[in-house]
C-alpha atoms as a PDB file:
ATOM      1  CA  MET A   1      92.673 101.425  67.802  1.00  0.00           C
ATOM      2  CA  LYS A   2      96.247 100.343  68.349  1.00  0.00           C
ATOM      3  CA  HIS A   3      97.131 103.709  69.354  1.00  0.00           C
ATOM      4  CA  PHE A   4      94.211 103.880  71.819  1.00  0.00           C
ATOM      5  CA  LEU A   5      94.854 100.357  73.297  1.00  0.00           C
ATOM      6  CA  LEU A   6      98.869 100.709  74.025  1.00  0.00           C
ATOM      7  CA  PRO A   7      98.275 103.739  76.233  1.00  0.00           C
ATOM      8  CA  ALA A   8      95.323 101.866  77.730  1.00  0.00           C
ATOM      9  CA  ILE A   9      97.094  98.793  78.723  1.00  0.00           C
ATOM     10  CA  ALA A  10     100.177 100.715  79.948  1.00  0.00           C
ATOM     11  CA  ALA A  11      97.946 102.842  82.233  1.00  0.00           C
ATOM     12  CA  ALA A  12      96.569  99.533  83.549  1.00  0.00           C
ATOM     13  CA  VAL A  13      99.669  97.516  84.300  1.00  0.00           C
ATOM     14  CA  LEU A  14     101.157 100.880  85.909  1.00  0.00           C
ATOM     15  CA  ALA A  15      97.905 101.235  87.905  1.00  0.00           C
ATOM     16  CA  LEU A  16      98.350  97.417  89.193  1.00  0.00           C
ATOM     17  CA  ALA A  17     102.134  97.529  89.941  1.00  0.00           C
ATOM     18  CA  THR A  18     101.933 101.043  91.875  1.00  0.00           C
ATOM     19  CA  PRO A  19     100.374  99.567  95.182  1.00  0.00           C
ATOM     20  CA  ALA A  20     103.047  96.742  95.634  1.00  0.00           C
ATOM     21  CA  ALA A  21     105.813  99.302  94.963  1.00  0.00           C
ATOM     22  CA  ALA A  22     104.318 101.756  97.349  1.00  0.00           C
ATOM     23  CA  ASP A  23     103.960  98.707  99.779  1.00  0.00           C
ATOM     24  CA  ALA A  24     107.643  97.957  99.457  1.00  0.00           C
ATOM     25  CA  ALA A  25     108.711 101.587  99.958  1.00  0.00           C
ATOM     26  CA  ASN A  26     106.422 101.963 103.320  1.00  0.00           C
ATOM     27  CA  LEU A  27     108.401  98.771 104.350  1.00  0.00           C
ATOM     28  CA  VAL A  28     111.883 100.412 103.755  1.00  0.00           C
ATOM     29  CA  LYS A  29     110.524 103.572 105.203  1.00  0.00           C
ATOM     30  CA  ARG A  30     109.183 101.689 108.440  1.00  0.00           C
ATOM     31  CA  GLN A  31     112.561 100.005 108.785  1.00  0.00           C
ATOM     32  CA  VAL A  32     114.433 103.066 108.536  1.00  0.00           C
ATOM     33  CA  ARG A  33     112.316 104.759 111.128  1.00  0.00           C
ATOM     34  CA  GLN A  34     112.520 101.899 113.641  1.00  0.00           C
ATOM     35  CA  GLN A  35     116.576 101.721 113.232  1.00  0.00           C
ATOM     36  CA  ALA A  36     116.375 105.641 113.982  1.00  0.00           C
ATOM     37  CA  ARG A  37     114.335 105.037 117.043  1.00  0.00           C
ATOM     38  CA  ILE A  38     116.693 102.554 118.266  1.00  0.00           C
ATOM     39  CA  ALA A  39     119.693 105.141 117.702  1.00  0.00           C
ATOM     40  CA  HIS A  40     117.539 107.697 119.450  1.00  0.00           C
ATOM     41  CA  GLY A  41     116.965 105.792 122.479  1.00  0.00           C
ATOM     42  CA  VAL A  42     120.530 105.026 122.639  1.00  0.00           C
ATOM     43  CA  ASN A  43     121.320 108.772 122.516  1.00  0.00           C
ATOM     44  CA  GLN A  44     118.880 109.565 124.948  1.00  0.00           C
ATOM     45  CA  GLY A  45     119.813 106.887 127.448  1.00  0.00           C
ATOM     46  CA  ASP A  46     116.510 105.066 127.043  1.00  0.00           C
ATOM     47  CA  LEU A  47     118.074 102.059 125.786  1.00  0.00           C
ATOM     48  CA  SER A  48     120.985 100.419 127.394  1.00  0.00           C
ATOM     49  CA  ARG A  49     123.478  98.902 124.850  1.00  0.00           C
ATOM     50  CA  GLY A  50     122.641  95.350 125.264  1.00  0.00           C
ATOM     51  CA  GLU A  51     118.934  96.439 124.446  1.00  0.00           C
ATOM     52  CA  ALA A  52     119.854  98.144 121.396  1.00  0.00           C
ATOM     53  CA  VAL A  53     122.080  95.214 120.252  1.00  0.00           C
ATOM     54  CA  ARG A  54     119.212  92.939 120.541  1.00  0.00           C
ATOM     55  CA  LEU A  55     116.856  95.169 118.807  1.00  0.00           C
ATOM     56  CA  GLN A  56     119.153  95.698 116.137  1.00  0.00           C
ATOM     57  CA  LYS A  57     119.586  92.175 115.828  1.00  0.00           C
ATOM     58  CA  SER A  58     115.771  91.723 115.455  1.00  0.00           C
ATOM     59  CA  GLN A  59     116.011  94.593 113.042  1.00  0.00           C
ATOM     60  CA  ASN A  60     118.332  92.736 110.936  1.00  0.00           C
ATOM     61  CA  ARG A  61     116.391  89.308 110.983  1.00  0.00           C
ATOM     62  CA  ILE A  62     113.325  91.302 109.542  1.00  0.00           C
ATOM     63  CA  HIS A  63     115.244  92.885 106.963  1.00  0.00           C
ATOM     64  CA  ARG A  64     116.970  89.729 105.770  1.00  0.00           C
ATOM     65  CA  SER A  65     113.615  87.838 105.810  1.00  0.00           C
ATOM     66  CA  ILE A  66     111.883  90.328 103.604  1.00  0.00           C
ATOM     67  CA  ARG A  67     114.787  90.548 101.383  1.00  0.00           C
ATOM     68  CA  ARG A  68     114.775  86.986 101.100  1.00  0.00           C
ATOM     69  CA  ASP A  69     110.848  86.935 100.481  1.00  0.00           C
ATOM     70  CA  ARG A  70     111.742  89.764  97.645  1.00  0.00           C
ATOM     71  CA  ALA A  71     114.037  87.796  95.998  1.00  0.00           C
ATOM     72  CA  ASP A  72     112.435  84.300  95.478  1.00  0.00           C
ATOM     73  CA  GLY A  73     109.693  85.757  93.154  1.00  0.00           C
ATOM     74  CA  ASP A  74     108.427  89.061  91.586  1.00  0.00           C
ATOM     75  CA  GLY A  75     108.666  91.117  94.778  1.00  0.00           C
ATOM     76  CA  LEU A  76     106.467  90.399  97.887  1.00  0.00           C
ATOM     77  CA  SER A  77     102.985  88.741  97.632  1.00  0.00           C
ATOM     78  CA  ALA A  78     100.444  89.851  99.659  1.00  0.00           C
ATOM     79  CA  ALA A  79     100.983  87.487 102.197  1.00  0.00           C
ATOM     80  CA  GLU A  80     104.440  87.944 102.588  1.00  0.00           C
ATOM     81  CA  ARG A  81     103.808  91.931 102.879  1.00  0.00           C
ATOM     82  CA  ALA A  82     101.222  90.819 105.622  1.00  0.00           C
ATOM     83  CA  LYS A  83     103.843  88.916 107.384  1.00  0.00           C
ATOM     84  CA  ALA A  84     106.619  91.739 107.153  1.00  0.00           C
ATOM     85  CA  ASN A  85     104.087  94.309 108.615  1.00  0.00           C
ATOM     86  CA  ALA A  86     103.065  92.035 111.426  1.00  0.00           C
ATOM     87  CA  ARG A  87     106.868  91.549 112.296  1.00  0.00           C
ATOM     88  CA  LEU A  88     107.674  95.336 111.999  1.00  0.00           C
ATOM     89  CA  ASN A  89     104.452  95.909 114.167  1.00  0.00           C
ATOM     90  CA  ARG A  90     105.571  93.135 116.705  1.00  0.00           C
ATOM     91  CA  GLN A  91     109.080  95.109 116.363  1.00  0.00           C
ATOM     92  CA  SER A  92     107.973  98.594 117.085  1.00  0.00           C
ATOM     93  CA  ARG A  93     106.179  97.480 120.274  1.00  0.00           C
ATOM     94  CA  ARG A  94     109.440  95.677 121.483  1.00  0.00           C
ATOM     95  CA  ILE A  95     111.220  99.198 120.718  1.00  0.00           C
ATOM     96  CA  HIS A  96     108.269 101.165 122.685  1.00  0.00           C
ATOM     97  CA  THR A  97     108.529  98.766 125.678  1.00  0.00           C
ATOM     98  CA  ALA A  98     112.428  98.582 125.947  1.00  0.00           C
ATOM     99  CA  ARG A  99     112.380 102.523 125.625  1.00  0.00           C
ATOM    100  CA  ASN A 100     110.017 103.285 128.314  1.00  0.00           C
ATOM    101  CA  ASN A 101     110.644 100.485 131.171  1.00  0.00           C
END
């Protein structure tokens, strides 16, 4: 019985932990992609230096906020992930607008 319960409990814990880890990885990937979009916009001439600096400062604030939220507990809560995603969505719209104006 013990030999059956231990793997079952381990599998349940991993199943619960995986979505949070995947969300955290998605946040990191989004941040990297957005920074690449800013750099690409500068290289293509779509963004001025001032626009790029402003967007990068905003990107850094989001990164610090996520890092701070992650440090004050066991990773990011659902509410913190939702807040981070909303900030990244807003930043994505800003990057799009700045590159296409």
